Amino acid sequence: MTWSELSDLLLVGLQETAWMVGVSTVLTAIGGLLLGVLLVLTAPGGLLAAPVVSSVLGFVVNVARSLPFIILLVAVIPFTRAVVGTTIGTDAAIVPLTIGAIPFFARIVEAALREVPPDVVAAATAMGATRTQIVGKVLLREARPGLVAGLTITVIALVGYSAMAGVVGGGGLGDLAIRYGYQRFETEVMVATVVVLVVFVQLIQMAGDVLVRRLSHK
């Protein structure tokens, strides 16, 4: 394989991976944030204390997190087909990526929100702040560095998940490594894919670290 052919394959694979990870990140950020906030609010002593609801939500999250992604990928095939009409390709891979990442990020959100000093919440309550204001202007605002750091970790996990999606034809760099590097024994493709993935993850981590530092100084 010539360098021109390899570079073209890598570019297409990187674009597919970026698309899968990008869309999944947006959906995960929304779903995980909502679920994480609910876990905190409904916990005993929370603003909307509901132990039964909290227990059910916690159980669902724990069950989803306990499944290895490769098993989840296969288990949700019927749901994936119902949502996007196919089980092959980048759009199909977004469904299991999102389902697998939302519980993961929800626990990170929960942990970040619990780090907010109770005194800050108590002060806001004493000043007459509503529950919505406490969540939006106190909890989420104070937890921004932790939330961004957690989202960075989640995005990197999604990159790894997207590579595994290549096993079932999900596209992206993982699919490239399997089809060419493993099945056709083209070592240079495998090595090049690993290098691109490492650089991609490093850039994501660097961007996340910069944003966390900026938020921490505000």
N, C-alpha and C. Protein backbone atom coordinates (compact mmCIF):
# COMPACT_ATOMS: atom_id res chain seq x y z
N MET A 1 0.84 -1.20 0.00
CA MET A 1 0.00 0.00 0.00
C MET A 1 0.88 1.26 0.00
N THR A 2 0.58 2.18 -0.90
CA THR A 2 1.37 3.41 -0.99
C THR A 2 0.97 4.38 0.12
N TRP A 3 1.85 5.37 0.37
CA TRP A 3 1.56 6.36 1.40
C TRP A 3 0.31 7.16 1.06
N SER A 4 0.11 7.43 -0.24
CA SER A 4 -1.08 8.18 -0.66
C SER A 4 -2.36 7.42 -0.34
N GLU A 5 -2.35 6.13 -0.62
CA GLU A 5 -3.53 5.30 -0.32
C GLU A 5 -3.76 5.21 1.18
N LEU A 6 -2.68 5.06 1.94
CA LEU A 6 -2.79 4.96 3.40
C LEU A 6 -3.30 6.25 4.00
N SER A 7 -2.80 7.38 3.52
CA SER A 7 -3.23 8.67 4.06
C SER A 7 -4.71 8.92 3.77
N ASP A 8 -5.16 8.50 2.59
CA ASP A 8 -6.58 8.65 2.25
C ASP A 8 -7.46 7.82 3.18
N LEU A 9 -7.03 6.58 3.43
CA LEU A 9 -7.78 5.69 4.33
C LEU A 9 -7.82 6.26 5.75
N LEU A 10 -6.69 6.76 6.20
CA LEU A 10 -6.61 7.33 7.55
C LEU A 10 -7.49 8.56 7.68
N LEU A 11 -7.52 9.39 6.65
CA LEU A 11 -8.33 10.60 6.68
C LEU A 11 -9.81 10.26 6.77
N VAL A 12 -10.23 9.30 5.95
CA VAL A 12 -11.64 8.88 5.99
C VAL A 12 -11.97 8.26 7.35
N GLY A 13 -11.08 7.41 7.85
CA GLY A 13 -11.30 6.78 9.16
C GLY A 13 -11.37 7.80 10.29
N LEU A 14 -10.49 8.80 10.23
CA LEU A 14 -10.49 9.84 11.26
C LEU A 14 -11.77 10.67 11.20
N GLN A 15 -12.23 10.97 10.00
CA GLN A 15 -13.47 11.73 9.86
C GLN A 15 -14.66 10.95 10.40
N GLU A 16 -14.70 9.66 10.12
CA GLU A 16 -15.80 8.82 10.62
C GLU A 16 -15.75 8.72 12.14
N THR A 17 -14.55 8.56 12.69
CA THR A 17 -14.40 8.49 14.15
C THR A 17 -14.81 9.80 14.79
N ALA A 18 -14.37 10.92 14.21
CA ALA A 18 -14.73 12.23 14.76
C ALA A 18 -16.23 12.44 14.73
N TRP A 19 -16.90 11.99 13.67
CA TRP A 19 -18.36 12.12 13.56
C TRP A 19 -19.06 11.29 14.64
N MET A 20 -18.65 10.03 14.77
CA MET A 20 -19.25 9.16 15.78
C MET A 20 -19.06 9.72 17.18
N VAL A 21 -17.83 10.10 17.49
CA VAL A 21 -17.50 10.59 18.82
C VAL A 21 -18.18 11.94 19.08
N GLY A 22 -18.19 12.81 18.07
CA GLY A 22 -18.78 14.13 18.23
C GLY A 22 -20.27 14.08 18.53
N VAL A 23 -21.02 13.34 17.72
CA VAL A 23 -22.47 13.24 17.94
C VAL A 23 -22.78 12.52 19.25
N SER A 24 -22.04 11.45 19.52
CA SER A 24 -22.25 10.71 20.76
C SER A 24 -21.94 11.58 21.98
N THR A 25 -20.93 12.43 21.87
CA THR A 25 -20.57 13.31 22.98
C THR A 25 -21.68 14.29 23.30
N VAL A 26 -22.27 14.88 22.26
CA VAL A 26 -23.36 15.83 22.47
C VAL A 26 -24.55 15.14 23.15
N LEU A 27 -24.94 13.98 22.62
CA LEU A 27 -26.07 13.24 23.20
C LEU A 27 -25.77 12.76 24.61
N THR A 28 -24.52 12.32 24.82
CA THR A 28 -24.12 11.86 26.15
C THR A 28 -24.09 12.99 27.15
N ALA A 29 -23.60 14.16 26.73
CA ALA A 29 -23.54 15.31 27.63
C ALA A 29 -24.93 15.71 28.09
N ILE A 30 -25.88 15.69 27.17
CA ILE A 30 -27.26 16.06 27.52
C ILE A 30 -27.88 15.00 28.42
N GLY A 31 -27.87 13.76 27.96
CA GLY A 31 -28.48 12.68 28.72
C GLY A 31 -27.80 12.42 30.05
N GLY A 32 -26.46 12.40 30.06
CA GLY A 32 -25.73 12.14 31.29
C GLY A 32 -25.89 13.25 32.30
N LEU A 33 -25.94 14.51 31.83
CA LEU A 33 -26.12 15.64 32.74
C LEU A 33 -27.48 15.58 33.41
N LEU A 34 -28.51 15.32 32.63
CA LEU A 34 -29.87 15.22 33.19
C LEU A 34 -29.97 14.07 34.19
N LEU A 35 -29.41 12.92 33.82
CA LEU A 35 -29.48 11.76 34.69
C LEU A 35 -28.66 11.97 35.96
N GLY A 36 -27.49 12.57 35.82
CA GLY A 36 -26.64 12.84 36.99
C GLY A 36 -27.29 13.81 37.95
N VAL A 37 -27.92 14.85 37.42
CA VAL A 37 -28.63 15.82 38.27
C VAL A 37 -29.77 15.15 39.00
N LEU A 38 -30.50 14.28 38.30
CA LEU A 38 -31.60 13.56 38.94
C LEU A 38 -31.10 12.65 40.06
N LEU A 39 -29.98 12.02 39.85
CA LEU A 39 -29.41 11.15 40.89
C LEU A 39 -29.10 11.95 42.15
N VAL A 40 -28.60 13.17 41.98
CA VAL A 40 -28.27 14.01 43.13
C VAL A 40 -29.53 14.57 43.79
N LEU A 41 -30.46 15.04 42.98
CA LEU A 41 -31.66 15.68 43.53
C LEU A 41 -32.56 14.69 44.26
N THR A 42 -32.65 13.46 43.74
CA THR A 42 -33.56 12.47 44.35
C THR A 42 -32.92 11.65 45.45
N ALA A 43 -31.63 11.84 45.67
CA ALA A 43 -30.96 11.10 46.74
C ALA A 43 -31.48 11.53 48.11
N PRO A 44 -31.39 10.68 49.12
CA PRO A 44 -31.82 11.08 50.47
C PRO A 44 -31.13 12.38 50.90
N GLY A 45 -31.94 13.36 51.32
CA GLY A 45 -31.39 14.65 51.70
C GLY A 45 -31.26 15.62 50.55
N GLY A 46 -31.62 15.19 49.34
CA GLY A 46 -31.52 16.05 48.16
C GLY A 46 -32.68 17.03 48.09
N LEU A 47 -32.61 17.92 47.11
CA LEU A 47 -33.66 18.94 46.97
C LEU A 47 -35.00 18.33 46.59
N LEU A 48 -34.97 17.19 45.93
CA LEU A 48 -36.21 16.48 45.55
C LEU A 48 -36.13 15.05 46.06
N ALA A 49 -35.80 14.91 47.32
CA ALA A 49 -35.56 13.60 47.91
C ALA A 49 -36.67 12.60 47.59
N ALA A 50 -36.28 11.51 46.93
CA ALA A 50 -37.21 10.44 46.59
C ALA A 50 -36.40 9.15 46.57
N PRO A 51 -36.21 8.54 47.73
CA PRO A 51 -35.35 7.35 47.84
C PRO A 51 -35.67 6.23 46.84
N VAL A 52 -36.96 6.00 46.60
CA VAL A 52 -37.34 4.93 45.68
C VAL A 52 -36.88 5.25 44.26
N VAL A 53 -37.15 6.48 43.83
CA VAL A 53 -36.73 6.90 42.49
C VAL A 53 -35.21 6.86 42.37
N SER A 54 -34.53 7.33 43.41
CA SER A 54 -33.08 7.34 43.43
C SER A 54 -32.52 5.92 43.32
N SER A 55 -33.13 5.00 44.04
CA SER A 55 -32.67 3.61 44.01
C SER A 55 -32.87 2.98 42.63
N VAL A 56 -34.01 3.26 42.01
CA VAL A 56 -34.30 2.72 40.68
C VAL A 56 -33.32 3.28 39.65
N LEU A 57 -33.11 4.60 39.70
CA LEU A 57 -32.18 5.23 38.77
C LEU A 57 -30.76 4.67 38.97
N GLY A 58 -30.36 4.54 40.23
CA GLY A 58 -29.04 4.01 40.52
C GLY A 58 -28.87 2.59 40.02
N PHE A 59 -29.91 1.79 40.17
CA PHE A 59 -29.86 0.40 39.71
C PHE A 59 -29.72 0.34 38.19
N VAL A 60 -30.51 1.14 37.50
CA VAL A 60 -30.45 1.16 36.03
C VAL A 60 -29.06 1.59 35.55
N VAL A 61 -28.53 2.62 36.18
CA VAL A 61 -27.19 3.11 35.81
C VAL A 61 -26.13 2.05 36.05
N ASN A 62 -26.22 1.38 37.20
CA ASN A 62 -25.23 0.35 37.53
C ASN A 62 -25.30 -0.84 36.58
N VAL A 63 -26.52 -1.22 36.19
CA VAL A 63 -26.68 -2.33 35.25
C VAL A 63 -26.06 -1.97 33.91
N ALA A 64 -26.35 -0.75 33.44
CA ALA A 64 -25.81 -0.32 32.14
C ALA A 64 -24.29 -0.24 32.18
N ARG A 65 -23.74 0.22 33.29
CA ARG A 65 -22.28 0.36 33.40
C ARG A 65 -21.58 -0.99 33.55
N SER A 66 -22.31 -2.00 34.01
CA SER A 66 -21.69 -3.30 34.25
C SER A 66 -21.48 -4.10 32.96
N LEU A 67 -22.14 -3.69 31.88
CA LEU A 67 -22.02 -4.43 30.62
C LEU A 67 -20.79 -3.98 29.84
N PRO A 68 -19.90 -4.89 29.49
CA PRO A 68 -18.79 -4.52 28.60
C PRO A 68 -19.34 -3.97 27.29
N PHE A 69 -18.68 -2.99 26.73
CA PHE A 69 -19.25 -2.31 25.56
C PHE A 69 -19.47 -3.26 24.39
N ILE A 70 -18.58 -4.21 24.18
CA ILE A 70 -18.72 -5.10 23.04
C ILE A 70 -19.99 -5.94 23.17
N ILE A 71 -20.37 -6.28 24.41
CA ILE A 71 -21.62 -7.03 24.63
C ILE A 71 -22.82 -6.11 24.43
N LEU A 72 -22.73 -4.89 24.96
CA LEU A 72 -23.81 -3.92 24.77
C LEU A 72 -24.02 -3.64 23.29
N LEU A 73 -22.94 -3.57 22.55
CA LEU A 73 -23.00 -3.29 21.12
C LEU A 73 -23.87 -4.31 20.40
N VAL A 74 -23.72 -5.57 20.79
CA VAL A 74 -24.49 -6.63 20.16
C VAL A 74 -25.91 -6.69 20.73
N ALA A 75 -26.04 -6.44 22.03
CA ALA A 75 -27.34 -6.55 22.69
C ALA A 75 -28.37 -5.54 22.17
N VAL A 76 -27.90 -4.36 21.78
CA VAL A 76 -28.84 -3.31 21.35
C VAL A 76 -29.02 -3.28 19.84
N ILE A 77 -28.56 -4.30 19.14
CA ILE A 77 -28.71 -4.34 17.68
C ILE A 77 -30.16 -4.15 17.23
N PRO A 78 -31.14 -4.83 17.85
CA PRO A 78 -32.53 -4.61 17.41
C PRO A 78 -32.98 -3.16 17.62
N PHE A 79 -32.58 -2.56 18.74
CA PHE A 79 -32.94 -1.16 18.99
C PHE A 79 -32.25 -0.24 17.99
N THR A 80 -30.99 -0.52 17.70
CA THR A 80 -30.25 0.28 16.72
C THR A 80 -30.92 0.23 15.36
N ARG A 81 -31.33 -0.97 14.95
CA ARG A 81 -32.00 -1.12 13.65
C ARG A 81 -33.33 -0.36 13.64
N ALA A 82 -34.03 -0.37 14.76
CA ALA A 82 -35.31 0.34 14.83
C ALA A 82 -35.13 1.85 14.76
N VAL A 83 -34.01 2.34 15.31
CA VAL A 83 -33.78 3.79 15.36
C VAL A 83 -33.25 4.34 14.04
N VAL A 84 -32.21 3.71 13.50
CA VAL A 84 -31.56 4.25 12.29
C VAL A 84 -31.78 3.41 11.03
N GLY A 85 -32.43 2.26 11.18
CA GLY A 85 -32.75 1.45 10.01
C GLY A 85 -31.65 0.53 9.55
N THR A 86 -30.51 0.52 10.25
CA THR A 86 -29.39 -0.35 9.89
C THR A 86 -28.53 -0.60 11.12
N THR A 87 -27.70 -1.61 11.06
CA THR A 87 -26.78 -1.89 12.17
C THR A 87 -25.33 -1.74 11.75
N ILE A 88 -25.11 -1.25 10.54
CA ILE A 88 -23.75 -1.09 10.01
C ILE A 88 -23.52 0.37 9.66
N GLY A 89 -22.31 0.84 9.94
CA GLY A 89 -21.97 2.21 9.58
C GLY A 89 -21.85 3.12 10.80
N THR A 90 -21.39 4.33 10.55
CA THR A 90 -21.14 5.26 11.65
C THR A 90 -22.41 5.70 12.35
N ASP A 91 -23.48 5.94 11.59
CA ASP A 91 -24.73 6.38 12.22
C ASP A 91 -25.28 5.30 13.16
N ALA A 92 -25.15 4.05 12.74
CA ALA A 92 -25.62 2.94 13.58
C ALA A 92 -24.78 2.84 14.84
N ALA A 93 -23.48 3.10 14.74
CA ALA A 93 -22.58 2.98 15.89
C ALA A 93 -22.87 4.04 16.94
N ILE A 94 -23.44 5.17 16.53
CA ILE A 94 -23.73 6.25 17.48
C ILE A 94 -24.71 5.80 18.56
N VAL A 95 -25.64 4.93 18.20
CA VAL A 95 -26.67 4.49 19.16
C VAL A 95 -26.06 3.75 20.35
N PRO A 96 -25.32 2.66 20.15
CA PRO A 96 -24.72 1.98 21.30
C PRO A 96 -23.66 2.82 22.00
N LEU A 97 -22.95 3.68 21.26
CA LEU A 97 -21.96 4.56 21.88
C LEU A 97 -22.64 5.46 22.91
N THR A 98 -23.76 6.03 22.53
CA THR A 98 -24.48 6.93 23.42
C THR A 98 -25.07 6.18 24.61
N ILE A 99 -25.68 5.03 24.33
CA ILE A 99 -26.28 4.24 25.41
C ILE A 99 -25.22 3.81 26.41
N GLY A 100 -24.05 3.46 25.93
CA GLY A 100 -22.99 3.02 26.83
C GLY A 100 -22.35 4.14 27.62
N ALA A 101 -22.32 5.34 27.04
CA ALA A 101 -21.62 6.46 27.68
C ALA A 101 -22.48 7.26 28.64
N ILE A 102 -23.78 7.33 28.43
CA ILE A 102 -24.65 8.14 29.29
C ILE A 102 -24.56 7.72 30.77
N PRO A 103 -24.68 6.43 31.10
CA PRO A 103 -24.56 6.05 32.52
C PRO A 103 -23.18 6.37 33.09
N PHE A 104 -22.15 6.20 32.28
CA PHE A 104 -20.78 6.50 32.71
C PHE A 104 -20.64 7.98 33.07
N PHE A 105 -21.10 8.85 32.18
CA PHE A 105 -21.01 10.28 32.43
C PHE A 105 -21.94 10.72 33.56
N ALA A 106 -23.09 10.05 33.69
CA ALA A 106 -24.03 10.40 34.76
C ALA A 106 -23.39 10.24 36.14
N ARG A 107 -22.64 9.18 36.32
CA ARG A 107 -21.96 8.97 37.60
C ARG A 107 -20.87 10.03 37.83
N ILE A 108 -20.22 10.45 36.76
CA ILE A 108 -19.22 11.50 36.89
C ILE A 108 -19.89 12.82 37.28
N VAL A 109 -21.03 13.11 36.66
CA VAL A 109 -21.79 14.32 37.00
C VAL A 109 -22.23 14.27 38.46
N GLU A 110 -22.72 13.11 38.87
CA GLU A 110 -23.15 12.95 40.25
C GLU A 110 -22.01 13.23 41.22
N ALA A 111 -20.85 12.67 40.94
CA ALA A 111 -19.68 12.87 41.82
C ALA A 111 -19.26 14.33 41.84
N ALA A 112 -19.29 14.99 40.68
CA ALA A 112 -18.88 16.40 40.61
C ALA A 112 -19.85 17.29 41.40
N LEU A 113 -21.13 17.02 41.30
CA LEU A 113 -22.12 17.83 42.01
C LEU A 113 -22.04 17.62 43.52
N ARG A 114 -21.69 16.41 43.93
CA ARG A 114 -21.58 16.14 45.37
C ARG A 114 -20.36 16.83 45.97
N GLU A 115 -19.42 17.26 45.13
CA GLU A 115 -18.24 17.96 45.62
C GLU A 115 -18.53 19.43 45.95
N VAL A 116 -19.68 19.92 45.51
CA VAL A 116 -20.04 21.31 45.82
C VAL A 116 -20.31 21.42 47.32
N PRO A 117 -19.67 22.35 48.02
CA PRO A 117 -19.84 22.48 49.47
C PRO A 117 -21.31 22.67 49.86
N PRO A 118 -21.81 21.91 50.81
CA PRO A 118 -23.20 22.06 51.25
C PRO A 118 -23.51 23.47 51.74
N ASP A 119 -22.51 24.15 52.28
CA ASP A 119 -22.73 25.51 52.77
C ASP A 119 -23.15 26.45 51.66
N VAL A 120 -22.63 26.23 50.47
CA VAL A 120 -22.98 27.08 49.33
C VAL A 120 -24.46 26.89 48.98
N VAL A 121 -24.90 25.64 48.98
CA VAL A 121 -26.30 25.35 48.68
C VAL A 121 -27.20 25.91 49.79
N ALA A 122 -26.77 25.74 51.03
CA ALA A 122 -27.55 26.26 52.16
C ALA A 122 -27.68 27.78 52.09
N ALA A 123 -26.61 28.45 51.71
CA ALA A 123 -26.64 29.91 51.60
C ALA A 123 -27.61 30.35 50.51
N ALA A 124 -27.60 29.64 49.39
CA ALA A 124 -28.52 29.98 48.30
C ALA A 124 -29.96 29.74 48.71
N THR A 125 -30.20 28.67 49.45
CA THR A 125 -31.55 28.38 49.94
C THR A 125 -32.02 29.46 50.90
N ALA A 126 -31.13 29.89 51.78
CA ALA A 126 -31.47 30.93 52.76
C ALA A 126 -31.79 32.25 52.09
N MET A 127 -31.20 32.49 50.92
CA MET A 127 -31.44 33.74 50.19
C MET A 127 -32.70 33.67 49.34
N GLY A 128 -33.41 32.54 49.42
CA GLY A 128 -34.68 32.41 48.72
C GLY A 128 -34.57 31.88 47.30
N ALA A 129 -33.45 31.29 46.93
CA ALA A 129 -33.29 30.74 45.58
C ALA A 129 -34.20 29.54 45.38
N THR A 130 -34.76 29.44 44.19
CA THR A 130 -35.63 28.30 43.88
C THR A 130 -34.76 27.07 43.59
N ARG A 131 -35.40 25.93 43.50
CA ARG A 131 -34.66 24.71 43.21
C ARG A 131 -33.98 24.79 41.85
N THR A 132 -34.70 25.35 40.88
CA THR A 132 -34.12 25.49 39.55
C THR A 132 -32.89 26.39 39.58
N GLN A 133 -32.97 27.48 40.33
CA GLN A 133 -31.84 28.40 40.45
C GLN A 133 -30.66 27.74 41.17
N ILE A 134 -30.96 26.95 42.18
CA ILE A 134 -29.89 26.27 42.92
C ILE A 134 -29.16 25.29 42.00
N VAL A 135 -29.92 24.57 41.18
CA VAL A 135 -29.29 23.60 40.27
C VAL A 135 -28.48 24.32 39.20
N GLY A 136 -29.09 25.32 38.56
CA GLY A 136 -28.45 25.98 37.43
C GLY A 136 -27.35 26.96 37.80
N LYS A 137 -27.58 27.74 38.87
CA LYS A 137 -26.65 28.81 39.20
C LYS A 137 -25.71 28.49 40.37
N VAL A 138 -25.98 27.39 41.05
CA VAL A 138 -25.11 27.03 42.18
C VAL A 138 -24.41 25.70 41.89
N LEU A 139 -25.18 24.62 41.83
CA LEU A 139 -24.57 23.30 41.67
C LEU A 139 -23.78 23.18 40.36
N LEU A 140 -24.44 23.42 39.24
CA LEU A 140 -23.76 23.25 37.95
C LEU A 140 -22.64 24.27 37.76
N ARG A 141 -22.86 25.49 38.23
CA ARG A 141 -21.83 26.52 38.08
C ARG A 141 -20.58 26.20 38.90
N GLU A 142 -20.79 25.80 40.14
CA GLU A 142 -19.66 25.49 41.00
C GLU A 142 -18.92 24.23 40.57
N ALA A 143 -19.65 23.33 39.92
CA ALA A 143 -19.06 22.04 39.53
C ALA A 143 -18.49 22.04 38.12
N ARG A 144 -18.44 23.20 37.45
CA ARG A 144 -18.00 23.25 36.06
C ARG A 144 -16.63 22.62 35.80
N PRO A 145 -15.61 22.90 36.60
CA PRO A 145 -14.31 22.26 36.32
C PRO A 145 -14.40 20.73 36.37
N GLY A 146 -15.10 20.21 37.38
CA GLY A 146 -15.24 18.77 37.49
C GLY A 146 -16.06 18.18 36.35
N LEU A 147 -17.08 18.91 35.92
CA LEU A 147 -17.91 18.43 34.82
C LEU A 147 -17.13 18.39 33.51
N VAL A 148 -16.33 19.42 33.26
CA VAL A 148 -15.53 19.45 32.03
C VAL A 148 -14.47 18.36 32.06
N ALA A 149 -13.84 18.17 33.21
CA ALA A 149 -12.84 17.11 33.34
C ALA A 149 -13.48 15.75 33.11
N GLY A 150 -14.68 15.56 33.66
CA GLY A 150 -15.40 14.31 33.48
C GLY A 150 -15.83 14.09 32.04
N LEU A 151 -16.24 15.18 31.38
CA LEU A 151 -16.63 15.06 29.97
C LEU A 151 -15.43 14.71 29.10
N THR A 152 -14.27 15.25 29.45
CA THR A 152 -13.05 14.92 28.71
C THR A 152 -12.74 13.43 28.82
N ILE A 153 -12.86 12.90 30.04
CA ILE A 153 -12.65 11.47 30.24
C ILE A 153 -13.65 10.65 29.42
N THR A 154 -14.89 11.13 29.39
CA THR A 154 -15.94 10.43 28.66
C THR A 154 -15.68 10.43 27.17
N VAL A 155 -15.24 11.57 26.64
CA VAL A 155 -14.94 11.66 25.20
C VAL A 155 -13.83 10.68 24.83
N ILE A 156 -12.81 10.60 25.66
CA ILE A 156 -11.70 9.67 25.39
C ILE A 156 -12.20 8.22 25.45
N ALA A 157 -13.09 7.95 26.41
CA ALA A 157 -13.68 6.61 26.47
C ALA A 157 -14.48 6.32 25.20
N LEU A 158 -15.18 7.33 24.68
CA LEU A 158 -15.95 7.15 23.45
C LEU A 158 -15.05 6.85 22.26
N VAL A 159 -13.86 7.43 22.24
CA VAL A 159 -12.90 7.12 21.17
C VAL A 159 -12.57 5.63 21.21
N GLY A 160 -12.34 5.12 22.43
CA GLY A 160 -12.06 3.69 22.58
C GLY A 160 -13.25 2.84 22.19
N TYR A 161 -14.45 3.26 22.61
CA TYR A 161 -15.66 2.53 22.23
C TYR A 161 -15.84 2.51 20.71
N SER A 162 -15.58 3.66 20.06
CA SER A 162 -15.77 3.74 18.62
C SER A 162 -14.83 2.78 17.88
N ALA A 163 -13.63 2.59 18.45
CA ALA A 163 -12.70 1.64 17.84
C ALA A 163 -13.26 0.22 17.93
N MET A 164 -13.89 -0.10 19.07
CA MET A 164 -14.49 -1.43 19.23
C MET A 164 -15.68 -1.61 18.31
N ALA A 165 -16.36 -0.51 17.99
CA ALA A 165 -17.51 -0.60 17.09
C ALA A 165 -17.09 -1.08 15.70
N GLY A 166 -15.81 -0.91 15.38
CA GLY A 166 -15.31 -1.39 14.10
C GLY A 166 -15.40 -2.89 13.94
N VAL A 167 -15.51 -3.60 15.06
CA VAL A 167 -15.61 -5.06 15.02
C VAL A 167 -16.87 -5.49 14.28
N VAL A 168 -17.95 -4.72 14.40
CA VAL A 168 -19.21 -5.07 13.74
C VAL A 168 -19.51 -4.11 12.59
N GLY A 169 -18.46 -3.57 11.99
CA GLY A 169 -18.66 -2.73 10.81
C GLY A 169 -19.12 -1.33 11.14
N GLY A 170 -18.70 -0.80 12.29
CA GLY A 170 -19.13 0.53 12.69
C GLY A 170 -18.41 1.66 11.98
N GLY A 171 -17.37 1.33 11.23
CA GLY A 171 -16.62 2.36 10.53
C GLY A 171 -15.58 3.00 11.43
N GLY A 172 -14.89 4.01 10.92
CA GLY A 172 -13.89 4.71 11.71
C GLY A 172 -12.54 4.03 11.70
N LEU A 173 -11.67 4.51 12.57
CA LEU A 173 -10.31 3.99 12.63
C LEU A 173 -10.26 2.55 13.12
N GLY A 174 -11.17 2.17 13.99
CA GLY A 174 -11.21 0.79 14.47
C GLY A 174 -11.51 -0.18 13.35
N ASP A 175 -12.47 0.17 12.52
CA ASP A 175 -12.82 -0.66 11.38
C ASP A 175 -11.65 -0.76 10.40
N LEU A 176 -10.94 0.35 10.22
CA LEU A 176 -9.77 0.38 9.35
C LEU A 176 -8.68 -0.56 9.87
N ALA A 177 -8.42 -0.49 11.17
CA ALA A 177 -7.39 -1.33 11.76
C ALA A 177 -7.73 -2.81 11.65
N ILE A 178 -9.00 -3.14 11.82
CA ILE A 178 -9.42 -4.55 11.76
C ILE A 178 -9.38 -5.08 10.33
N ARG A 179 -9.95 -4.32 9.40
CA ARG A 179 -10.05 -4.81 8.01
C ARG A 179 -8.69 -4.89 7.32
N TYR A 180 -7.85 -3.90 7.54
CA TYR A 180 -6.56 -3.87 6.85
C TYR A 180 -5.41 -4.38 7.73
N GLY A 181 -5.36 -3.85 8.96
CA GLY A 181 -4.23 -4.21 9.82
C GLY A 181 -4.27 -5.64 10.32
N TYR A 182 -5.50 -6.13 10.65
CA TYR A 182 -5.62 -7.47 11.23
C TYR A 182 -5.95 -8.52 10.18
N GLN A 183 -7.04 -8.31 9.42
CA GLN A 183 -7.50 -9.32 8.48
C GLN A 183 -6.58 -9.47 7.27
N ARG A 184 -5.95 -8.37 6.83
CA ARG A 184 -5.08 -8.43 5.66
C ARG A 184 -3.59 -8.38 6.03
N PHE A 185 -3.32 -8.39 7.30
CA PHE A 185 -1.94 -8.43 7.81
C PHE A 185 -1.08 -7.28 7.28
N GLU A 186 -1.67 -6.10 7.13
CA GLU A 186 -0.92 -4.93 6.69
C GLU A 186 -0.50 -4.15 7.94
N THR A 187 0.68 -4.48 8.42
CA THR A 187 1.18 -3.93 9.68
C THR A 187 1.26 -2.41 9.68
N GLU A 188 1.64 -1.85 8.54
CA GLU A 188 1.80 -0.40 8.47
C GLU A 188 0.48 0.32 8.72
N VAL A 189 -0.63 -0.30 8.31
CA VAL A 189 -1.94 0.30 8.55
C VAL A 189 -2.27 0.27 10.04
N MET A 190 -1.97 -0.85 10.67
CA MET A 190 -2.22 -0.97 12.11
C MET A 190 -1.41 0.05 12.89
N VAL A 191 -0.13 0.16 12.57
CA VAL A 191 0.75 1.10 13.27
C VAL A 191 0.29 2.54 13.05
N ALA A 192 -0.05 2.88 11.81
CA ALA A 192 -0.50 4.23 11.50
C ALA A 192 -1.80 4.56 12.23
N THR A 193 -2.70 3.58 12.31
CA THR A 193 -3.97 3.80 13.01
C THR A 193 -3.74 4.05 14.50
N VAL A 194 -2.85 3.29 15.10
CA VAL A 194 -2.53 3.48 16.51
C VAL A 194 -1.95 4.87 16.75
N VAL A 195 -1.06 5.29 15.87
CA VAL A 195 -0.44 6.62 16.02
C VAL A 195 -1.50 7.72 15.93
N VAL A 196 -2.40 7.61 14.97
CA VAL A 196 -3.45 8.62 14.80
C VAL A 196 -4.37 8.65 16.02
N LEU A 197 -4.72 7.48 16.54
CA LEU A 197 -5.58 7.42 17.72
C LEU A 197 -4.90 8.05 18.94
N VAL A 198 -3.62 7.78 19.11
CA VAL A 198 -2.87 8.35 20.24
C VAL A 198 -2.84 9.87 20.14
N VAL A 199 -2.54 10.38 18.95
CA VAL A 199 -2.49 11.84 18.76
C VAL A 199 -3.88 12.45 18.98
N PHE A 200 -4.91 11.80 18.47
CA PHE A 200 -6.29 12.27 18.62
C PHE A 200 -6.67 12.38 20.09
N VAL A 201 -6.37 11.35 20.85
CA VAL A 201 -6.70 11.34 22.28
C VAL A 201 -5.89 12.40 23.02
N GLN A 202 -4.62 12.56 22.68
CA GLN A 202 -3.79 13.56 23.32
C GLN A 202 -4.33 14.97 23.11
N LEU A 203 -4.78 15.24 21.90
CA LEU A 203 -5.35 16.56 21.60
C LEU A 203 -6.62 16.81 22.41
N ILE A 204 -7.45 15.78 22.54
CA ILE A 204 -8.67 15.91 23.33
C ILE A 204 -8.33 16.19 24.79
N GLN A 205 -7.37 15.44 25.32
CA GLN A 205 -6.99 15.62 26.72
C GLN A 205 -6.40 17.00 26.96
N MET A 206 -5.57 17.47 26.05
CA MET A 206 -4.96 18.79 26.18
C MET A 206 -6.02 19.89 26.16
N ALA A 207 -6.98 19.77 25.25
CA ALA A 207 -8.05 20.77 25.17
C ALA A 207 -8.88 20.77 26.45
N GLY A 208 -9.18 19.58 26.96
CA GLY A 208 -9.95 19.48 28.21
C GLY A 208 -9.20 20.08 29.38
N ASP A 209 -7.90 19.81 29.47
CA ASP A 209 -7.08 20.34 30.58
C ASP A 209 -7.03 21.87 30.54
N VAL A 210 -6.89 22.43 29.34
CA VAL A 210 -6.85 23.90 29.20
C VAL A 210 -8.16 24.51 29.68
N LEU A 211 -9.29 23.91 29.26
CA LEU A 211 -10.61 24.44 29.64
C LEU A 211 -10.84 24.32 31.14
N VAL A 212 -10.41 23.21 31.73
CA VAL A 212 -10.56 23.03 33.18
C VAL A 212 -9.78 24.08 33.94
N ARG A 213 -8.56 24.35 33.51
CA ARG A 213 -7.74 25.36 34.18
C ARG A 213 -8.38 26.75 34.10
N ARG A 214 -8.94 27.06 32.96
CA ARG A 214 -9.58 28.37 32.81
C ARG A 214 -10.81 28.49 33.70
N LEU A 215 -11.59 27.44 33.77
CA LEU A 215 -12.80 27.46 34.61
C LEU A 215 -12.44 27.50 36.09
N SER A 216 -11.33 26.85 36.43
CA SER A 216 -10.92 26.80 37.85
C SER A 216 -10.46 28.16 38.35
N HIS A 217 -10.04 29.05 37.45
CA HIS A 217 -9.55 30.37 37.85
C HIS A 217 -10.65 31.41 37.90
N LYS A 218 -11.86 31.02 37.49
CA LYS A 218 -12.98 31.98 37.49
C LYS A 218 -13.72 31.93 38.82
